[in-house]
Amino acid sequence: MIIDFSASIYDKILPFPSDPEVSVKNKDYIKVCGFYVTSISMSVHTGTHVDTPLHCINGKPSTENIDLSYYVGRAYCIDTPTKKMKL
């Protein structure tokens, strides 16, 4: 079974410091062309992402040159409470 642990991306999600603001806009073009259209503007560091060797080392592999099997395997999901616990 494959479980996707990716975080959702939504309008105004907090970006990495100094990255541009995230914008997700839905346009209703149903009457014009029969579709809804979504435009997304964000840094590639928004939400769940993969930093490849090229991110830090010039001339190293980028995302399209890395075998996706490196990102598939066993994982643990840990539930961390969002409220402070009283001891």
PDB file of N, CA and C in Angstrom:
ATOM      1  N   MET A   1       0.846  -1.173   0.000  1.00  0.00           N
ATOM      2  CA  MET A   1       0.000   0.000   0.000  1.00  0.00           C
ATOM      3  C   MET A   1       0.894   1.240   0.000  1.00  0.00           C
ATOM      4  N   ILE A   2       0.512   2.237  -0.758  1.00  0.00           N
ATOM      5  CA  ILE A   2       1.229   3.500  -0.774  1.00  0.00           C
ATOM      6  C   ILE A   2       0.382   4.545  -0.057  1.00  0.00           C
ATOM      7  N   ILE A   3       0.985   5.227   0.903  1.00  0.00           N
ATOM      8  CA  ILE A   3       0.315   6.298   1.635  1.00  0.00           C
ATOM      9  C   ILE A   3       1.078   7.585   1.368  1.00  0.00           C
ATOM     10  N   ASP A   4       0.373   8.599   0.924  1.00  0.00           N
ATOM     11  CA  ASP A   4       0.982   9.889   0.625  1.00  0.00           C
ATOM     12  C   ASP A   4       0.962  10.747   1.894  1.00  0.00           C
ATOM     13  N   PHE A   5       2.129  11.085   2.414  1.00  0.00           N
ATOM     14  CA  PHE A   5       2.242  11.901   3.621  1.00  0.00           C
ATOM     15  C   PHE A   5       2.375  13.392   3.312  1.00  0.00           C
ATOM     16  N   SER A   6       2.160  13.771   2.066  1.00  0.00           N
ATOM     17  CA  SER A   6       2.323  15.178   1.675  1.00  0.00           C
ATOM     18  C   SER A   6       1.334  16.078   2.394  1.00  0.00           C
ATOM     19  N   ALA A   7       1.816  17.241   2.806  1.00  0.00           N
ATOM     20  CA  ALA A   7       0.946  18.237   3.428  1.00  0.00           C
ATOM     21  C   ALA A   7       0.162  18.971   2.341  1.00  0.00           C
ATOM     22  N   SER A   8      -1.032  19.398   2.659  1.00  0.00           N
ATOM     23  CA  SER A   8      -1.856  20.158   1.718  1.00  0.00           C
ATOM     24  C   SER A   8      -1.271  21.551   1.520  1.00  0.00           C
ATOM     25  N   ILE A   9      -1.441  22.076   0.316  1.00  0.00           N
ATOM     26  CA  ILE A   9      -1.041  23.445   0.012  1.00  0.00           C
ATOM     27  C   ILE A   9      -2.319  24.246  -0.170  1.00  0.00           C
ATOM     28  N   TYR A  10      -2.394  25.405   0.485  1.00  0.00           N
ATOM     29  CA  TYR A  10      -3.597  26.218   0.409  1.00  0.00           C
ATOM     30  C   TYR A  10      -3.208  27.695   0.431  1.00  0.00           C
ATOM     31  N   ASP A  11      -4.151  28.540   0.076  1.00  0.00           N
ATOM     32  CA  ASP A  11      -3.917  29.978   0.017  1.00  0.00           C
ATOM     33  C   ASP A  11      -3.452  30.497   1.375  1.00  0.00           C
ATOM     34  N   LYS A  12      -2.399  31.257   1.377  1.00  0.00           N
ATOM     35  CA  LYS A  12      -1.842  31.914   2.559  1.00  0.00           C
ATOM     36  C   LYS A  12      -1.135  30.969   3.530  1.00  0.00           C
ATOM     37  N   ILE A  13      -0.829  29.712   3.113  1.00  0.00           N
ATOM     38  CA  ILE A  13      -0.046  28.838   3.975  1.00  0.00           C
ATOM     39  C   ILE A  13       1.276  29.553   4.265  1.00  0.00           C
ATOM     40  N   LEU A  14       1.811  29.381   5.462  1.00  0.00           N
ATOM     41  CA  LEU A  14       3.049  30.078   5.811  1.00  0.00           C
ATOM     42  C   LEU A  14       4.204  29.577   4.949  1.00  0.00           C
ATOM     43  N   PRO A  15       4.883  30.493   4.277  1.00  0.00           N
ATOM     44  CA  PRO A  15       6.028  30.089   3.460  1.00  0.00           C
ATOM     45  C   PRO A  15       7.296  30.005   4.309  1.00  0.00           C
ATOM     46  N   PHE A  16       8.334  29.418   3.740  1.00  0.00           N
ATOM     47  CA  PHE A  16       9.649  29.444   4.369  1.00  0.00           C
ATOM     48  C   PHE A  16      10.048  30.913   4.493  1.00  0.00           C
ATOM     49  N   PRO A  17      10.698  31.305   5.618  1.00  0.00           N
ATOM     50  CA  PRO A  17      11.095  32.712   5.770  1.00  0.00           C
ATOM     51  C   PRO A  17      11.854  33.228   4.541  1.00  0.00           C
ATOM     52  N   SER A  18      11.532  34.384   4.099  1.00  0.00           N
ATOM     53  CA  SER A  18      12.082  35.106   2.947  1.00  0.00           C
ATOM     54  C   SER A  18      11.559  34.591   1.601  1.00  0.00           C
ATOM     55  N   ASP A  19      10.762  33.513   1.585  1.00  0.00           N
ATOM     56  CA  ASP A  19      10.138  33.039   0.344  1.00  0.00           C
ATOM     57  C   ASP A  19       8.883  33.867   0.060  1.00  0.00           C
ATOM     58  N   PRO A  20       8.428  33.908  -1.199  1.00  0.00           N
ATOM     59  CA  PRO A  20       7.227  34.681  -1.521  1.00  0.00           C
ATOM     60  C   PRO A  20       5.969  34.091  -0.883  1.00  0.00           C
ATOM     61  N   GLU A  21       4.976  34.944  -0.694  1.00  0.00           N
ATOM     62  CA  GLU A  21       3.688  34.511  -0.150  1.00  0.00           C
ATOM     63  C   GLU A  21       3.045  33.480  -1.080  1.00  0.00           C
ATOM     64  N   VAL A  22       2.349  32.526  -0.502  1.00  0.00           N
ATOM     65  CA  VAL A  22       1.657  31.492  -1.278  1.00  0.00           C
ATOM     66  C   VAL A  22       0.279  32.013  -1.675  1.00  0.00           C
ATOM     67  N   SER A  23      -0.056  31.838  -2.945  1.00  0.00           N
ATOM     68  CA  SER A  23      -1.351  32.274  -3.452  1.00  0.00           C
ATOM     69  C   SER A  23      -1.997  31.141  -4.248  1.00  0.00           C
ATOM     70  N   VAL A  24      -3.194  30.747  -3.842  1.00  0.00           N
ATOM     71  CA  VAL A  24      -3.977  29.737  -4.567  1.00  0.00           C
ATOM     72  C   VAL A  24      -5.318  30.388  -4.895  1.00  0.00           C
ATOM     73  N   LYS A  25      -5.565  30.595  -6.162  1.00  0.00           N
ATOM     74  CA  LYS A  25      -6.792  31.275  -6.603  1.00  0.00           C
ATOM     75  C   LYS A  25      -7.581  30.384  -7.552  1.00  0.00           C
ATOM     76  N   ASN A  26      -8.863  30.246  -7.275  1.00  0.00           N
ATOM     77  CA  ASN A  26      -9.756  29.471  -8.136  1.00  0.00           C
ATOM     78  C   ASN A  26     -10.584  30.427  -8.985  1.00  0.00           C
ATOM     79  N   LYS A  27     -10.624  30.173 -10.266  1.00  0.00           N
ATOM     80  CA  LYS A  27     -11.406  30.995 -11.198  1.00  0.00           C
ATOM     81  C   LYS A  27     -12.531  30.145 -11.776  1.00  0.00           C
ATOM     82  N   ASP A  28     -13.711  30.707 -11.773  1.00  0.00           N
ATOM     83  CA  ASP A  28     -14.882  30.010 -12.308  1.00  0.00           C
ATOM     84  C   ASP A  28     -15.073  30.402 -13.768  1.00  0.00           C
ATOM     85  N   TYR A  29     -14.603  29.554 -14.658  1.00  0.00           N
ATOM     86  CA  TYR A  29     -14.780  29.777 -16.095  1.00  0.00           C
ATOM     87  C   TYR A  29     -15.811  28.813 -16.683  1.00  0.00           C
ATOM     88  N   ILE A  30     -16.676  28.276 -15.834  1.00  0.00           N
ATOM     89  CA  ILE A  30     -17.683  27.303 -16.286  1.00  0.00           C
ATOM     90  C   ILE A  30     -18.515  27.875 -17.436  1.00  0.00           C
ATOM     91  N   LYS A  31     -18.985  29.095 -17.298  1.00  0.00           N
ATOM     92  CA  LYS A  31     -19.832  29.684 -18.348  1.00  0.00           C
ATOM     93  C   LYS A  31     -19.036  30.007 -19.603  1.00  0.00           C
ATOM     94  N   VAL A  32     -17.748  30.289 -19.454  1.00  0.00           N
ATOM     95  CA  VAL A  32     -16.912  30.674 -20.595  1.00  0.00           C
ATOM     96  C   VAL A  32     -16.435  29.447 -21.369  1.00  0.00           C
ATOM     97  N   CYS A  33     -15.830  28.488 -20.648  1.00  0.00           N
ATOM     98  CA  CYS A  33     -15.239  27.338 -21.345  1.00  0.00           C
ATOM     99  C   CYS A  33     -15.559  25.998 -20.710  1.00  0.00           C
ATOM    100  N   GLY A  34     -16.369  26.012 -19.639  1.00  0.00           N
ATOM    101  CA  GLY A  34     -16.786  24.757 -19.032  1.00  0.00           C
ATOM    102  C   GLY A  34     -15.858  24.202 -17.970  1.00  0.00           C
ATOM    103  N   PHE A  35     -14.935  25.032 -17.447  1.00  0.00           N
ATOM    104  CA  PHE A  35     -13.972  24.536 -16.465  1.00  0.00           C
ATOM    105  C   PHE A  35     -13.776  25.514 -15.315  1.00  0.00           C
ATOM    106  N   TYR A  36     -13.333  24.972 -14.187  1.00  0.00           N
ATOM    107  CA  TYR A  36     -12.750  25.769 -13.118  1.00  0.00           C
ATOM    108  C   TYR A  36     -11.249  25.758 -13.361  1.00  0.00           C
ATOM    109  N   VAL A  37     -10.576  26.859 -13.118  1.00  0.00           N
ATOM    110  CA  VAL A  37      -9.134  26.958 -13.312  1.00  0.00           C
ATOM    111  C   VAL A  37      -8.520  27.431 -11.998  1.00  0.00           C
ATOM    112  N   THR A  38      -7.447  26.780 -11.574  1.00  0.00           N
ATOM    113  CA  THR A  38      -6.744  27.168 -10.358  1.00  0.00           C
ATOM    114  C   THR A  38      -5.354  27.652 -10.713  1.00  0.00           C
ATOM    115  N   SER A  39      -4.990  28.824 -10.212  1.00  0.00           N
ATOM    116  CA  SER A  39      -3.623  29.307 -10.384  1.00  0.00           C
ATOM    117  C   SER A  39      -2.926  29.245  -9.028  1.00  0.00           C
ATOM    118  N   ILE A  40      -1.670  28.810  -9.058  1.00  0.00           N
ATOM    119  CA  ILE A  40      -0.885  28.664  -7.837  1.00  0.00           C
ATOM    120  C   ILE A  40       0.430  29.405  -8.014  1.00  0.00           C
ATOM    121  N   SER A  41       0.775  30.238  -7.038  1.00  0.00           N
ATOM    122  CA  SER A  41       2.046  30.946  -7.037  1.00  0.00           C
ATOM    123  C   SER A  41       2.725  30.669  -5.702  1.00  0.00           C
ATOM    124  N   MET A  42       3.926  30.071  -5.771  1.00  0.00           N
ATOM    125  CA  MET A  42       4.636  29.725  -4.532  1.00  0.00           C
ATOM    126  C   MET A  42       6.078  29.363  -4.851  1.00  0.00           C
ATOM    127  N   SER A  43       6.883  29.315  -3.831  1.00  0.00           N
ATOM    128  CA  SER A  43       8.250  28.822  -3.950  1.00  0.00           C
ATOM    129  C   SER A  43       8.204  27.293  -3.977  1.00  0.00           C
ATOM    130  N   VAL A  44       9.205  26.678  -4.559  1.00  0.00           N
ATOM    131  CA  VAL A  44       9.247  25.210  -4.563  1.00  0.00           C
ATOM    132  C   VAL A  44       9.518  24.652  -3.166  1.00  0.00           C
ATOM    133  N   HIS A  45       9.822  25.508  -2.212  1.00  0.00           N
ATOM    134  CA  HIS A  45      10.049  25.048  -0.836  1.00  0.00           C
ATOM    135  C   HIS A  45       8.774  25.054  -0.006  1.00  0.00           C
ATOM    136  N   THR A  46       7.644  25.287  -0.618  1.00  0.00           N
ATOM    137  CA  THR A  46       6.379  25.312   0.101  1.00  0.00           C
ATOM    138  C   THR A  46       5.906  23.892   0.397  1.00  0.00           C
ATOM    139  N   GLY A  47       5.489  23.648   1.632  1.00  0.00           N
ATOM    140  CA  GLY A  47       4.918  22.352   1.998  1.00  0.00           C
ATOM    141  C   GLY A  47       5.910  21.209   1.868  1.00  0.00           C
ATOM    142  N   THR A  48       5.381  20.023   1.612  1.00  0.00           N
ATOM    143  CA  THR A  48       6.194  18.827   1.471  1.00  0.00           C
ATOM    144  C   THR A  48       6.922  18.867   0.140  1.00  0.00           C
ATOM    145  N   HIS A  49       8.239  18.705   0.171  1.00  0.00           N
ATOM    146  CA  HIS A  49       9.009  18.759  -1.063  1.00  0.00           C
ATOM    147  C   HIS A  49      10.302  17.965  -0.907  1.00  0.00           C
ATOM    148  N   VAL A  50      10.998  17.798  -1.991  1.00  0.00           N
ATOM    149  CA  VAL A  50      12.264  17.076  -2.000  1.00  0.00           C
ATOM    150  C   VAL A  50      13.369  18.049  -2.393  1.00  0.00           C
ATOM    151  N   ASP A  51      14.395  18.127  -1.567  1.00  0.00           N
ATOM    152  CA  ASP A  51      15.592  18.884  -1.936  1.00  0.00           C
ATOM    153  C   ASP A  51      16.588  17.899  -2.530  1.00  0.00           C
ATOM    154  N   THR A  52      16.930  18.098  -3.773  1.00  0.00           N
ATOM    155  CA  THR A  52      17.874  17.211  -4.458  1.00  0.00           C
ATOM    156  C   THR A  52      19.293  17.733  -4.270  1.00  0.00           C
ATOM    157  N   PRO A  53      20.301  16.938  -4.640  1.00  0.00           N
ATOM    158  CA  PRO A  53      21.683  17.407  -4.507  1.00  0.00           C
ATOM    159  C   PRO A  53      21.926  18.749  -5.208  1.00  0.00           C
ATOM    160  N   LEU A  54      21.242  19.003  -6.335  1.00  0.00           N
ATOM    161  CA  LEU A  54      21.422  20.254  -7.057  1.00  0.00           C
ATOM    162  C   LEU A  54      21.060  21.467  -6.206  1.00  0.00           C
ATOM    163  N   HIS A  55      20.183  21.278  -5.223  1.00  0.00           N
ATOM    164  CA  HIS A  55      19.760  22.378  -4.351  1.00  0.00           C
ATOM    165  C   HIS A  55      20.967  23.025  -3.652  1.00  0.00           C
ATOM    166  N   CYS A  56      21.977  22.221  -3.345  1.00  0.00           N
ATOM    167  CA  CYS A  56      23.140  22.729  -2.607  1.00  0.00           C
ATOM    168  C   CYS A  56      24.462  22.598  -3.355  1.00  0.00           C
ATOM    169  N   ILE A  57      24.503  21.752  -4.382  1.00  0.00           N
ATOM    170  CA  ILE A  57      25.774  21.482  -5.064  1.00  0.00           C
ATOM    171  C   ILE A  57      25.587  21.654  -6.566  1.00  0.00           C
ATOM    172  N   ASN A  58      26.225  22.671  -7.125  1.00  0.00           N
ATOM    173  CA  ASN A  58      26.114  22.955  -8.547  1.00  0.00           C
ATOM    174  C   ASN A  58      26.561  21.752  -9.387  1.00  0.00           C
ATOM    175  N   GLY A  59      25.781  21.418 -10.416  1.00  0.00           N
ATOM    176  CA  GLY A  59      26.136  20.332 -11.317  1.00  0.00           C
ATOM    177  C   GLY A  59      25.669  18.956 -10.878  1.00  0.00           C
ATOM    178  N   LYS A  60      25.049  18.842  -9.703  1.00  0.00           N
ATOM    179  CA  LYS A  60      24.556  17.538  -9.224  1.00  0.00           C
ATOM    180  C   LYS A  60      23.140  17.296  -9.754  1.00  0.00           C
ATOM    181  N   PRO A  61      22.596  16.079  -9.569  1.00  0.00           N
ATOM    182  CA  PRO A  61      21.281  15.736 -10.131  1.00  0.00           C
ATOM    183  C   PRO A  61      20.140  16.607  -9.603  1.00  0.00           C
ATOM    184  N   SER A  62      19.187  16.871 -10.500  1.00  0.00           N
ATOM    185  CA  SER A  62      17.961  17.569 -10.132  1.00  0.00           C
ATOM    186  C   SER A  62      16.836  16.548 -10.018  1.00  0.00           C
ATOM    187  N   THR A  63      15.660  17.004  -9.664  1.00  0.00           N
ATOM    188  CA  THR A  63      14.534  16.108  -9.384  1.00  0.00           C
ATOM    189  C   THR A  63      14.254  15.109 -10.504  1.00  0.00           C
ATOM    190  N   GLU A  64      14.230  15.571 -11.740  1.00  0.00           N
ATOM    191  CA  GLU A  64      13.879  14.672 -12.845  1.00  0.00           C
ATOM    192  C   GLU A  64      14.960  13.629 -13.119  1.00  0.00           C
ATOM    193  N   ASN A  65      16.120  13.771 -12.507  1.00  0.00           N
ATOM    194  CA  ASN A  65      17.212  12.819 -12.718  1.00  0.00           C
ATOM    195  C   ASN A  65      17.426  11.868 -11.544  1.00  0.00           C
ATOM    196  N   ILE A  66      16.494  11.851 -10.605  1.00  0.00           N
ATOM    197  CA  ILE A  66      16.624  10.984  -9.436  1.00  0.00           C
ATOM    198  C   ILE A  66      15.550   9.898  -9.504  1.00  0.00           C
ATOM    199  N   ASP A  67      15.963   8.661  -9.287  1.00  0.00           N
ATOM    200  CA  ASP A  67      15.056   7.509  -9.303  1.00  0.00           C
ATOM    201  C   ASP A  67      14.050   7.636  -8.157  1.00  0.00           C
ATOM    202  N   LEU A  68      12.755   7.638  -8.479  1.00  0.00           N
ATOM    203  CA  LEU A  68      11.715   7.801  -7.461  1.00  0.00           C
ATOM    204  C   LEU A  68      11.693   6.683  -6.424  1.00  0.00           C
ATOM    205  N   SER A  69      12.299   5.551  -6.732  1.00  0.00           N
ATOM    206  CA  SER A  69      12.307   4.447  -5.765  1.00  0.00           C
ATOM    207  C   SER A  69      13.061   4.821  -4.485  1.00  0.00           C
ATOM    208  N   TYR A  70      13.920   5.842  -4.537  1.00  0.00           N
ATOM    209  CA  TYR A  70      14.605   6.305  -3.329  1.00  0.00           C
ATOM    210  C   TYR A  70      13.641   6.904  -2.316  1.00  0.00           C
ATOM    211  N   TYR A  71      12.474   7.308  -2.772  1.00  0.00           N
ATOM    212  CA  TYR A  71      11.510   7.971  -1.902  1.00  0.00           C
ATOM    213  C   TYR A  71      10.358   7.065  -1.485  1.00  0.00           C
ATOM    214  N   VAL A  72      10.473   5.784  -1.760  1.00  0.00           N
ATOM    215  CA  VAL A  72       9.432   4.828  -1.404  1.00  0.00           C
ATOM    216  C   VAL A  72      10.031   3.819  -0.438  1.00  0.00           C
ATOM    217  N   GLY A  73       9.363   3.599   0.675  1.00  0.00           N
ATOM    218  CA  GLY A  73       9.866   2.625   1.639  1.00  0.00           C
ATOM    219  C   GLY A  73       9.047   2.658   2.907  1.00  0.00           C
ATOM    220  N   ARG A  74       9.549   2.004   3.898  1.00  0.00           N
ATOM    221  CA  ARG A  74       8.860   1.938   5.182  1.00  0.00           C
ATOM    222  C   ARG A  74       8.893   3.307   5.846  1.00  0.00           C
ATOM    223  N   ALA A  75       7.834   3.606   6.566  1.00  0.00           N
ATOM    224  CA  ALA A  75       7.757   4.897   7.257  1.00  0.00           C
ATOM    225  C   ALA A  75       6.992   4.729   8.559  1.00  0.00           C
ATOM    226  N   TYR A  76       7.207   5.642   9.433  1.00  0.00           N
ATOM    227  CA  TYR A  76       6.478   5.687  10.692  1.00  0.00           C
ATOM    228  C   TYR A  76       5.728   7.000  10.751  1.00  0.00           C
ATOM    229  N   CYS A  77       4.499   6.945  11.221  1.00  0.00           N
ATOM    230  CA  CYS A  77       3.700   8.141  11.402  1.00  0.00           C
ATOM    231  C   CYS A  77       3.575   8.369  12.901  1.00  0.00           C
ATOM    232  N   ILE A  78       4.060   9.509  13.372  1.00  0.00           N
ATOM    233  CA  ILE A  78       4.049   9.814  14.801  1.00  0.00           C
ATOM    234  C   ILE A  78       3.062  10.938  15.050  1.00  0.00           C
ATOM    235  N   ASP A  79       2.127  10.697  15.942  1.00  0.00           N
ATOM    236  CA  ASP A  79       1.121  11.707  16.299  1.00  0.00           C
ATOM    237  C   ASP A  79       1.693  12.592  17.401  1.00  0.00           C
ATOM    238  N   THR A  80       1.888  13.863  17.089  1.00  0.00           N
ATOM    239  CA  THR A  80       2.391  14.805  18.093  1.00  0.00           C
ATOM    240  C   THR A  80       1.269  15.761  18.447  1.00  0.00           C
ATOM    241  N   PRO A  81       0.953  15.860  19.722  1.00  0.00           N
ATOM    242  CA  PRO A  81      -0.164  16.732  20.123  1.00  0.00           C
ATOM    243  C   PRO A  81       0.149  18.186  19.842  1.00  0.00           C
ATOM    244  N   THR A  82      -0.895  18.955  19.506  1.00  0.00           N
ATOM    245  CA  THR A  82      -0.718  20.373  19.223  1.00  0.00           C
ATOM    246  C   THR A  82      -0.954  21.228  20.460  1.00  0.00           C
ATOM    247  N   LYS A  83      -1.542  20.660  21.500  1.00  0.00           N
ATOM    248  CA  LYS A  83      -1.787  21.400  22.731  1.00  0.00           C
ATOM    249  C   LYS A  83      -0.734  20.997  23.764  1.00  0.00           C
ATOM    250  N   LYS A  84      -0.361  21.951  24.607  1.00  0.00           N
ATOM    251  CA  LYS A  84       0.603  21.643  25.660  1.00  0.00           C
ATOM    252  C   LYS A  84      -0.051  20.723  26.690  1.00  0.00           C
ATOM    253  N   MET A  85       0.714  19.733  27.105  1.00  0.00           N
ATOM    254  CA  MET A  85       0.208  18.785  28.108  1.00  0.00           C
ATOM    255  C   MET A  85       0.574  19.269  29.499  1.00  0.00           C
ATOM    256  N   LYS A  86      -0.327  19.075  30.455  1.00  0.00           N
ATOM    257  CA  LYS A  86      -0.027  19.398  31.852  1.00  0.00           C
ATOM    258  C   LYS A  86       0.624  18.178  32.478  1.00  0.00           C
ATOM    259  N   LEU A  87       1.720  18.398  33.159  1.00  0.00           N
ATOM    260  CA  LEU A  87       2.427  17.290  33.815  1.00  0.00           C
ATOM    261  C   LEU A  87       2.101  17.247  35.279  1.00  0.00           C
TER     262      LEU A  87
END
